[in-house]
Amino acid sequence: MEIKLPSWGTAANVTKASINEFGRFDDLKASVDKAKAKDYFEKLEYAKIPIFKINIKVHNLLQKFILKGRFDIEEREI
């Protein structure tokens, strides 16, 4: 999954409290291709997932990625 981050400066300056400063985190979440995200999480969990849960999973994954720094995400093939 490709994640394009907005220009926020260094990740060390971003906290949970400031992650959505100026609406940048909301903009990032809005830029996610929901169909691709749904496909990714459904392959990962081997189950159908309603879109509202996909939105929660996207939020959590992006937040973790930004706050903790880079990490590898799981990929599964069907």
C-alpha atoms as a PDB file:
ATOM      1  CA  MET A   1       0.000   0.000   0.000  1.00  0.00           C
ATOM      2  CA  GLU A   2       1.443   3.373  -0.930  1.00  0.00           C
ATOM      3  CA  ILE A   3       1.170   6.115   1.675  1.00  0.00           C
ATOM      4  CA  LYS A   4       1.803   9.698   0.611  1.00  0.00           C
ATOM      5  CA  LEU A   5       2.517  11.930   3.563  1.00  0.00           C
ATOM      6  CA  PRO A   6       1.995  15.666   3.479  1.00  0.00           C
ATOM      7  CA  SER A   7       4.938  17.909   4.230  1.00  0.00           C
ATOM      8  CA  TRP A   8       4.840  18.119   8.019  1.00  0.00           C
ATOM      9  CA  GLY A   9       8.495  18.652   8.727  1.00  0.00           C
ATOM     10  CA  THR A  10      10.120  16.064  10.940  1.00  0.00           C
ATOM     11  CA  ALA A  11       7.985  13.332  12.468  1.00  0.00           C
ATOM     12  CA  ALA A  12       9.510  14.116  15.868  1.00  0.00           C
ATOM     13  CA  ASN A  13       7.442  17.318  15.978  1.00  0.00           C
ATOM     14  CA  VAL A  14       4.132  15.499  15.450  1.00  0.00           C
ATOM     15  CA  THR A  15       2.207  14.319  18.501  1.00  0.00           C
ATOM     16  CA  LYS A  16      -1.184  12.710  18.941  1.00  0.00           C
ATOM     17  CA  ALA A  17      -2.501  16.109  20.014  1.00  0.00           C
ATOM     18  CA  SER A  18      -1.057  17.947  17.013  1.00  0.00           C
ATOM     19  CA  ILE A  19      -1.470  15.303  14.305  1.00  0.00           C
ATOM     20  CA  ASN A  20      -4.470  17.065  12.756  1.00  0.00           C
ATOM     21  CA  GLU A  21      -3.113  20.571  13.087  1.00  0.00           C
ATOM     22  CA  PHE A  22      -4.440  22.637  10.173  1.00  0.00           C
ATOM     23  CA  GLY A  23      -6.540  19.635   9.079  1.00  0.00           C
ATOM     24  CA  ARG A  24      -3.595  17.880   7.461  1.00  0.00           C
ATOM     25  CA  PHE A  25      -4.393  14.454   8.926  1.00  0.00           C
ATOM     26  CA  ASP A  26      -7.996  14.746   7.740  1.00  0.00           C
ATOM     27  CA  ASP A  27      -6.705  15.696   4.273  1.00  0.00           C
ATOM     28  CA  LEU A  28      -4.415  12.671   4.293  1.00  0.00           C
ATOM     29  CA  LYS A  29      -7.249  10.328   5.273  1.00  0.00           C
ATOM     30  CA  ALA A  30      -9.472  11.856   2.581  1.00  0.00           C
ATOM     31  CA  SER A  31      -6.798  11.103  -0.028  1.00  0.00           C
ATOM     32  CA  VAL A  32      -6.898   7.353   0.668  1.00  0.00           C
ATOM     33  CA  ASP A  33      -8.368   5.228  -2.124  1.00  0.00           C
ATOM     34  CA  LYS A  34     -11.171   3.547  -0.163  1.00  0.00           C
ATOM     35  CA  ALA A  35     -11.529   0.664  -2.636  1.00  0.00           C
ATOM     36  CA  LYS A  36      -7.827  -0.187  -2.368  1.00  0.00           C
ATOM     37  CA  ALA A  37      -7.916   0.169   1.422  1.00  0.00           C
ATOM     38  CA  LYS A  38     -10.965  -2.118   1.617  1.00  0.00           C
ATOM     39  CA  ASP A  39      -9.258  -4.683  -0.602  1.00  0.00           C
ATOM     40  CA  TYR A  40      -6.056  -4.511   1.497  1.00  0.00           C
ATOM     41  CA  PHE A  41      -7.753  -4.974   4.880  1.00  0.00           C
ATOM     42  CA  GLU A  42     -10.113  -7.681   3.618  1.00  0.00           C
ATOM     43  CA  LYS A  43      -7.163  -9.657   2.230  1.00  0.00           C
ATOM     44  CA  LEU A  44      -5.287  -9.120   5.482  1.00  0.00           C
ATOM     45  CA  GLU A  45      -8.161 -10.365   7.630  1.00  0.00           C
ATOM     46  CA  TYR A  46      -9.691 -12.886   5.197  1.00  0.00           C
ATOM     47  CA  ALA A  47     -13.138 -11.358   5.791  1.00  0.00           C
ATOM     48  CA  LYS A  48     -15.567  -8.802   4.402  1.00  0.00           C
ATOM     49  CA  ILE A  49     -15.348  -5.532   6.332  1.00  0.00           C
ATOM     50  CA  PRO A  50     -17.925  -2.711   6.251  1.00  0.00           C
ATOM     51  CA  ILE A  51     -16.640   0.645   5.011  1.00  0.00           C
ATOM     52  CA  PHE A  52     -17.054   2.371   8.387  1.00  0.00           C
ATOM     53  CA  LYS A  53     -14.615  -0.158   9.885  1.00  0.00           C
ATOM     54  CA  ILE A  54     -12.244   0.379   6.947  1.00  0.00           C
ATOM     55  CA  ASN A  55     -12.224   4.102   7.784  1.00  0.00           C
ATOM     56  CA  ILE A  56     -11.307   3.299  11.394  1.00  0.00           C
ATOM     57  CA  LYS A  57      -8.540   0.931  10.292  1.00  0.00           C
ATOM     58  CA  VAL A  58      -7.158   3.538   7.857  1.00  0.00           C
ATOM     59  CA  HIS A  59      -7.181   6.162  10.617  1.00  0.00           C
ATOM     60  CA  ASN A  60      -5.354   3.853  13.042  1.00  0.00           C
ATOM     61  CA  LEU A  61      -2.775   2.689  10.499  1.00  0.00           C
ATOM     62  CA  LEU A  62      -1.941   6.218   9.328  1.00  0.00           C
ATOM     63  CA  GLN A  63      -1.783   7.547  12.873  1.00  0.00           C
ATOM     64  CA  LYS A  64       0.572   4.748  13.937  1.00  0.00           C
ATOM     65  CA  PHE A  65       2.716   5.271  10.830  1.00  0.00           C
ATOM     66  CA  ILE A  66       3.087   8.992  11.507  1.00  0.00           C
ATOM     67  CA  LEU A  67       3.580   8.833  15.284  1.00  0.00           C
ATOM     68  CA  LYS A  68       5.860   5.800  15.480  1.00  0.00           C
ATOM     69  CA  GLY A  69       7.752   6.332  12.269  1.00  0.00           C
ATOM     70  CA  ARG A  70       8.161   4.028   9.320  1.00  0.00           C
ATOM     71  CA  PHE A  71       7.327   0.352   9.617  1.00  0.00           C
ATOM     72  CA  ASP A  72       6.543  -2.518   7.284  1.00  0.00           C
ATOM     73  CA  ILE A  73       2.908  -3.380   6.760  1.00  0.00           C
ATOM     74  CA  GLU A  74       1.639  -6.886   6.154  1.00  0.00           C
ATOM     75  CA  GLU A  75       0.700  -7.972   2.683  1.00  0.00           C
ATOM     76  CA  ARG A  76      -1.191 -11.129   1.848  1.00  0.00           C
ATOM     77  CA  GLU A  77      -2.024 -12.568  -1.517  1.00  0.00           C
ATOM     78  CA  ILE A  78      -5.302 -14.322  -2.244  1.00  0.00           C
END
